[in-house]
């Protein structure tokens, strides 16, 4: 019931920054939670950051102070500003959404965007 498209991934040096963006196919105030997960090769997918309709945020301990999640309701997007990137941040990053509805609330996933942090 919602399609998510990520962009902004790429190759960056340690200490650098990237900004990821996720565009949703519906107005995001109808989405209870939007967030970012990541999955490195051979590892489980893990929560990076999430934001609810009222602006509450949640971050993984490993990214607190470095990453910031935000939303732009006018553009139906959620973004992840990633600063002070480390090699261990290398992963495929996935946009996630849970809808404000009882039937088929999700989760829904984007196709993923690769982030590589390397010298």
Protein backbone atom coordinates (compact mmCIF):
# COMPACT_ATOMS: atom_id res chain seq x y z
CA UNK A 1 0.00 0.00 0.00
CA UNK A 2 3.07 2.21 -0.04
CA UNK A 3 6.15 2.17 -2.22
CA UNK A 4 9.47 3.45 -0.96
CA UNK A 5 12.43 4.53 -3.07
CA UNK A 6 15.82 5.26 -1.52
CA UNK A 7 18.54 7.46 -2.94
CA UNK A 8 21.76 9.10 -1.85
CA UNK A 9 23.99 6.13 -1.20
CA UNK A 10 27.51 5.89 -2.48
CA UNK A 11 31.18 5.69 -1.62
CA UNK A 12 32.59 8.01 1.02
CA UNK A 13 35.83 8.24 2.98
CA UNK A 14 35.91 7.66 6.73
CA UNK A 15 34.85 10.82 8.53
CA UNK A 16 32.79 11.95 5.58
CA UNK A 17 29.07 12.52 5.25
CA UNK A 18 26.16 11.27 3.19
CA UNK A 19 22.50 12.14 3.13
CA UNK A 20 20.02 9.40 2.29
CA UNK A 21 16.51 10.15 1.14
CA UNK A 22 13.41 7.96 0.97
CA UNK A 23 10.46 9.00 -1.16
CA UNK A 24 7.07 7.50 -0.30
CA UNK A 25 4.19 6.95 -2.70
CA UNK A 26 1.66 8.35 -0.23
CA UNK A 27 1.45 11.30 2.13
CA UNK A 28 3.72 10.48 5.01
CA UNK A 29 1.45 11.82 7.75
CA UNK A 30 -0.52 8.63 7.13
CA UNK A 31 2.60 6.65 8.00
CA UNK A 32 3.01 5.95 11.68
CA UNK A 33 6.70 5.25 11.59
CA UNK A 34 9.36 5.72 8.95
CA UNK A 35 12.90 4.70 9.44
CA UNK A 36 16.14 3.33 8.18
CA UNK A 37 17.58 -0.12 8.61
CA UNK A 38 20.86 -1.45 7.36
CA UNK A 39 22.28 -4.84 6.54
CA UNK A 40 25.94 -5.65 6.10
CA UNK A 41 27.05 -8.80 4.27
CA UNK A 42 26.50 -11.88 6.41
CA UNK A 43 24.78 -9.91 9.17
CA UNK A 44 21.23 -9.37 10.36
CA UNK A 45 19.30 -6.31 9.28
CA UNK A 46 19.31 -3.78 12.11
CA UNK A 47 17.49 -0.59 12.98
CA UNK A 48 19.50 2.57 12.39
CA UNK A 49 16.95 5.31 13.06
CA UNK A 50 13.19 5.83 13.07
CA UNK A 51 10.78 8.73 13.30
CA UNK A 52 7.05 8.79 14.09
CA UNK A 53 4.31 11.16 12.95
CA UNK A 54 4.75 13.27 16.08
CA UNK A 55 8.47 13.62 15.51
CA UNK A 56 9.69 11.16 18.11
CA UNK A 57 12.98 9.59 17.10
CA UNK A 58 14.91 6.49 17.96
CA UNK A 59 18.52 5.72 17.10
CA UNK A 60 20.78 2.75 17.37
CA UNK A 61 23.44 3.31 20.00
CA UNK A 62 26.14 2.93 17.37
CA UNK A 63 24.95 5.99 15.41
CA UNK A 64 23.77 8.36 18.15
CA UNK A 65 25.39 11.75 17.80
CA UNK A 66 26.42 11.04 14.21
CA UNK A 67 23.18 10.36 12.32
CA UNK A 68 20.02 12.47 12.21
CA UNK A 69 16.67 11.38 10.83
CA UNK A 70 14.16 13.95 9.60
CA UNK A 71 11.00 14.18 7.53
CA UNK A 72 9.59 16.53 4.92
CA UNK A 73 5.83 16.10 4.72
CA UNK A 74 5.49 18.39 1.70
CA UNK A 75 7.77 16.16 -0.34
CA UNK A 76 6.67 12.86 1.21
CA UNK A 77 10.23 12.05 2.13
CA UNK A 78 12.29 11.00 5.09
CA UNK A 79 16.02 11.62 5.19
CA UNK A 80 19.01 10.33 7.10
CA UNK A 81 21.94 12.68 7.51
CA UNK A 82 25.02 10.60 8.23
CA UNK A 83 28.10 12.36 9.56
CA UNK A 84 31.45 11.10 10.81
CA UNK A 85 31.00 7.91 8.86
CA UNK A 86 33.00 4.86 9.85
CA UNK A 87 33.95 1.75 7.86
CA UNK A 88 31.59 -0.26 10.06
CA UNK A 89 28.71 1.84 8.71
CA UNK A 90 29.15 0.09 5.36
CA UNK A 91 25.90 -1.68 4.50
CA UNK A 92 22.83 -1.63 2.33
CA UNK A 93 20.44 0.89 3.85
CA UNK A 94 16.71 0.24 3.59
CA UNK A 95 13.82 2.63 4.09
CA UNK A 96 11.00 1.24 6.21
CA UNK A 97 7.42 2.33 6.86
CA UNK A 98 4.54 1.25 9.08
CA UNK A 99 1.14 2.69 8.22
CA UNK A 100 -1.56 4.22 10.42
CA UNK A 101 -4.11 1.48 9.81
CA UNK A 102 -5.11 -1.84 11.31
CA UNK A 103 -5.22 -3.76 8.04
CA UNK A 104 -1.92 -4.32 6.27
CA UNK A 105 0.06 -1.73 8.26
CA UNK A 106 3.35 -3.14 7.06
CA UNK A 107 6.24 -3.08 7.49
CA UNK A 108 7.03 -1.97 3.97
CA UNK A 109 10.52 -1.77 2.55
CA UNK A 110 12.40 0.06 -0.14
CA UNK A 111 14.84 -1.67 -2.46
CA UNK A 112 17.90 -0.48 -0.56
CA UNK A 113 20.82 1.80 -1.32
CA UNK A 114 24.47 0.89 -0.84
CA UNK A 115 26.64 2.92 1.51
CA UNK A 116 30.36 2.14 1.43
CA UNK A 117 32.78 3.84 3.80
CA UNK A 118 36.35 3.21 2.73
CA UNK A 119 39.66 4.95 2.13
